[in-house]
Structures are given as C-alpha cells and as structure tokens.
C-alpha atoms as a PDB file:
ATOM      1  CA  MET A   1       0.088  -0.177  -0.047  1.00  0.00           C
ATOM      2  CA  PRO A   2       1.534   3.279  -1.004  1.00  0.00           C
ATOM      3  CA  SER A   3       2.138   5.978   1.805  1.00  0.00           C
ATOM      4  CA  MET A   4       0.065   9.148   1.737  1.00  0.00           C
ATOM      5  CA  SER A   5       1.962  12.315   0.893  1.00  0.00           C
ATOM      6  CA  PRO A   6       2.359  14.849   3.753  1.00  0.00           C
ATOM      7  CA  GLN A   7      -0.104  17.132   2.135  1.00  0.00           C
ATOM      8  CA  ARG A   8      -2.748  14.422   2.307  1.00  0.00           C
ATOM      9  CA  LYS A   9      -1.756  13.618   5.818  1.00  0.00           C
ATOM     10  CA  GLN A  10      -2.449  17.083   7.091  1.00  0.00           C
ATOM     11  CA  GLY A  11      -5.814  17.702   5.638  1.00  0.00           C
ATOM     12  CA  LYS A  12      -7.385  20.729   4.096  1.00  0.00           C
ATOM     13  CA  GLY A  13      -6.462  24.298   5.436  1.00  0.00           C
ATOM     14  CA  LYS A  14      -3.156  22.974   7.152  1.00  0.00           C
ATOM     15  CA  MET A  15       0.243  23.408   5.770  1.00  0.00           C
ATOM     16  CA  PRO A  16       2.080  20.362   5.345  1.00  0.00           C
ATOM     17  CA  ASP A  17       5.072  19.092   7.001  1.00  0.00           C
ATOM     18  CA  VAL A  18       8.022  19.312   4.690  1.00  0.00           C
ATOM     19  CA  GLY A  19      11.175  17.417   5.253  1.00  0.00           C
ATOM     20  CA  GLY A  20       9.878  16.817   8.971  1.00  0.00           C
ATOM     21  CA  ILE A  21       9.361  20.690   9.635  1.00  0.00           C
ATOM     22  CA  ALA A  22       5.914  21.706  10.682  1.00  0.00           C
ATOM     23  CA  ALA A  23       5.229  24.447   8.346  1.00  0.00           C
ATOM     24  CA  GLU A  24       2.644  26.097   9.972  1.00  0.00           C
ATOM     25  CA  GLN A  25       4.651  26.388  13.332  1.00  0.00           C
ATOM     26  CA  LEU A  26       7.727  27.589  11.648  1.00  0.00           C
ATOM     27  CA  ARG A  27       5.742  30.245   9.998  1.00  0.00           C
ATOM     28  CA  SER A  28       4.372  31.419  13.181  1.00  0.00           C
ATOM     29  CA  LEU A  29       7.617  31.507  14.669  1.00  0.00           C
ATOM     30  CA  VAL A  30       9.096  33.464  11.694  1.00  0.00           C
ATOM     31  CA  GLU A  31       6.352  35.941  11.989  1.00  0.00           C
ATOM     32  CA  ARG A  32       6.830  36.525  15.797  1.00  0.00           C
ATOM     33  CA  ILE A  33      10.515  37.088  15.309  1.00  0.00           C
ATOM     34  CA  GLU A  34       9.580  39.611  12.583  1.00  0.00           C
ATOM     35  CA  ARG A  35       7.062  41.358  14.787  1.00  0.00           C
ATOM     36  CA  LEU A  36       9.671  41.566  17.679  1.00  0.00           C
ATOM     37  CA  GLU A  37      12.366  43.094  15.443  1.00  0.00           C
ATOM     38  CA  ASP A  38       9.976  45.644  14.402  1.00  0.00           C
ATOM     39  CA  GLU A  39       9.323  46.221  18.055  1.00  0.00           C
ATOM     40  CA  LYS A  40      13.131  46.353  18.687  1.00  0.00           C
ATOM     41  CA  LYS A  41      13.657  48.953  16.009  1.00  0.00           C
ATOM     42  CA  ALA A  42      10.943  50.981  17.200  1.00  0.00           C
ATOM     43  CA  LEU A  43      12.388  51.060  20.654  1.00  0.00           C
ATOM     44  CA  SER A  44      15.696  51.715  19.396  1.00  0.00           C
ATOM     45  CA  ASP A  45      14.415  54.792  17.749  1.00  0.00           C
ATOM     46  CA  ASP A  46      12.789  55.904  20.700  1.00  0.00           C
ATOM     47  CA  ILE A  47      16.201  55.467  22.787  1.00  0.00           C
ATOM     48  CA  ARG A  48      17.878  57.422  20.100  1.00  0.00           C
ATOM     49  CA  ASP A  49      15.310  60.228  20.519  1.00  0.00           C
ATOM     50  CA  VAL A  50      15.648  60.320  24.359  1.00  0.00           C
ATOM     51  CA  CYS A  51      19.565  60.449  23.821  1.00  0.00           C
ATOM     52  CA  ALA A  52      19.290  63.504  21.514  1.00  0.00           C
ATOM     53  CA  GLN A  53      16.939  65.077  24.064  1.00  0.00           C
ATOM     54  CA  ALA A  54      19.372  64.485  26.539  1.00  0.00           C
ATOM     55  CA  LYS A  55      22.091  65.696  24.649  1.00  0.00           C
ATOM     56  CA  GLY A  56      20.194  68.993  23.731  1.00  0.00           C
ATOM     57  CA  GLY A  57      19.676  69.426  27.532  1.00  0.00           C
ATOM     58  CA  GLY A  58      23.420  69.500  27.746  1.00  0.00           C
ATOM     59  CA  PHE A  59      23.974  65.979  29.286  1.00  0.00           C
ATOM     60  CA  ASP A  60      27.226  63.871  28.495  1.00  0.00           C
ATOM     61  CA  LEU A  61      25.767  60.819  26.745  1.00  0.00           C
ATOM     62  CA  ARG A  62      28.848  58.688  27.524  1.00  0.00           C
ATOM     63  CA  VAL A  63      28.410  59.415  31.403  1.00  0.00           C
ATOM     64  CA  LEU A  64      24.531  58.888  30.979  1.00  0.00           C
ATOM     65  CA  ARG A  65      25.187  55.449  29.612  1.00  0.00           C
ATOM     66  CA  GLN A  66      27.670  54.600  32.249  1.00  0.00           C
ATOM     67  CA  ILE A  67      24.758  55.521  34.767  1.00  0.00           C
ATOM     68  CA  ILE A  68      22.472  53.318  33.310  1.00  0.00           C
ATOM     69  CA  ARG A  69      25.071  50.483  33.060  1.00  0.00           C
ATOM     70  CA  LEU A  70      25.647  50.867  36.851  1.00  0.00           C
ATOM     71  CA  ARG A  71      21.751  51.008  37.776  1.00  0.00           C
ATOM     72  CA  LYS A  72      21.470  47.686  36.276  1.00  0.00           C
ATOM     73  CA  LEU A  73      23.984  46.054  38.887  1.00  0.00           C
ATOM     74  CA  ASN A  74      23.093  45.157  42.146  1.00  0.00           C
ATOM     75  CA  SER A  75      24.580  47.268  45.019  1.00  0.00           C
ATOM     76  CA  ALA A  76      27.219  44.282  45.390  1.00  0.00           C
ATOM     77  CA  GLU A  77      28.179  44.161  41.986  1.00  0.00           C
ATOM     78  CA  ARG A  78      28.400  47.884  41.727  1.00  0.00           C
ATOM     79  CA  GLN A  79      30.562  48.111  44.829  1.00  0.00           C
ATOM     80  CA  GLU A  80      32.769  45.141  43.577  1.00  0.00           C
ATOM     81  CA  GLN A  81      33.478  47.221  40.322  1.00  0.00           C
ATOM     82  CA  GLU A  82      33.896  50.448  41.868  1.00  0.00           C
ATOM     83  CA  THR A  83      36.481  48.719  44.309  1.00  0.00           C
ATOM     84  CA  LEU A  84      38.390  47.085  41.333  1.00  0.00           C
ATOM     85  CA  LEU A  85      38.547  50.320  39.514  1.00  0.00           C
ATOM     86  CA  ASP A  86      39.981  52.179  42.392  1.00  0.00           C
ATOM     87  CA  VAL A  87      42.596  49.345  42.787  1.00  0.00           C
ATOM     88  CA  TYR A  88      43.319  49.519  39.042  1.00  0.00           C
ATOM     89  CA  LYS A  89      43.654  53.338  39.070  1.00  0.00           C
ATOM     90  CA  ARG A  90      46.067  53.168  42.162  1.00  0.00           C
ATOM     91  CA  ALA A  91      48.030  50.501  40.403  1.00  0.00           C
ATOM     92  CA  LEU A  92      48.337  53.059  37.356  1.00  0.00           C
ATOM     93  CA  GLY A  93      49.142  56.190  39.684  1.00  0.00           C
ATOM     94  CA  MET A  94      46.096  57.805  38.777  1.00  0.00           C
END
C-alpha cells in the first residue's frame, strides 16, 4: 500500500510538514520574530530620540550610558566594580 503524501496526511487548510518540519509552526515563529524585530527597531528609535533630547539638554551621553549600566547592577556588583576600578587606578598612579 503506498504511503500518503504529507499534504494528504495534514488535511485541507493546514500546511504540510516538509522534510519533517511543521510548516505552520515555522511560519508562526518567523512571524513572531519579525514582529519582535519591528518592536526592537521602534524601541531603538525611541532611545535615540531620548538621547538626542538629553544631549540637547547639555547632558554627556557617555556618562549617561555609564550611569544606566551601573543602575542595572545590584549594590554588591556595583561596589565590587568600583573597588576594582579604584585598585586599578591606584596601580597606574591615577
């Protein structure tokens, strides 16, 4: 008895499995990634706008970015980095 093609196994309205890949699931994942990429670009544009606003207000963007990085750390991590930075600076005579 001949085996049924993947299209016949799936029935009407569903995309077939091709080479063992569930086409509908793959399409869904690709579309989700595309939407997230669009959101990521929009957020990046928003961040760029806020940075331009900060720069226009006289703030130093390098220092602002450094503050943002530090705020992501917990207190112990931040203290450890500051201590290590101090040790390095003293070692270099700064």
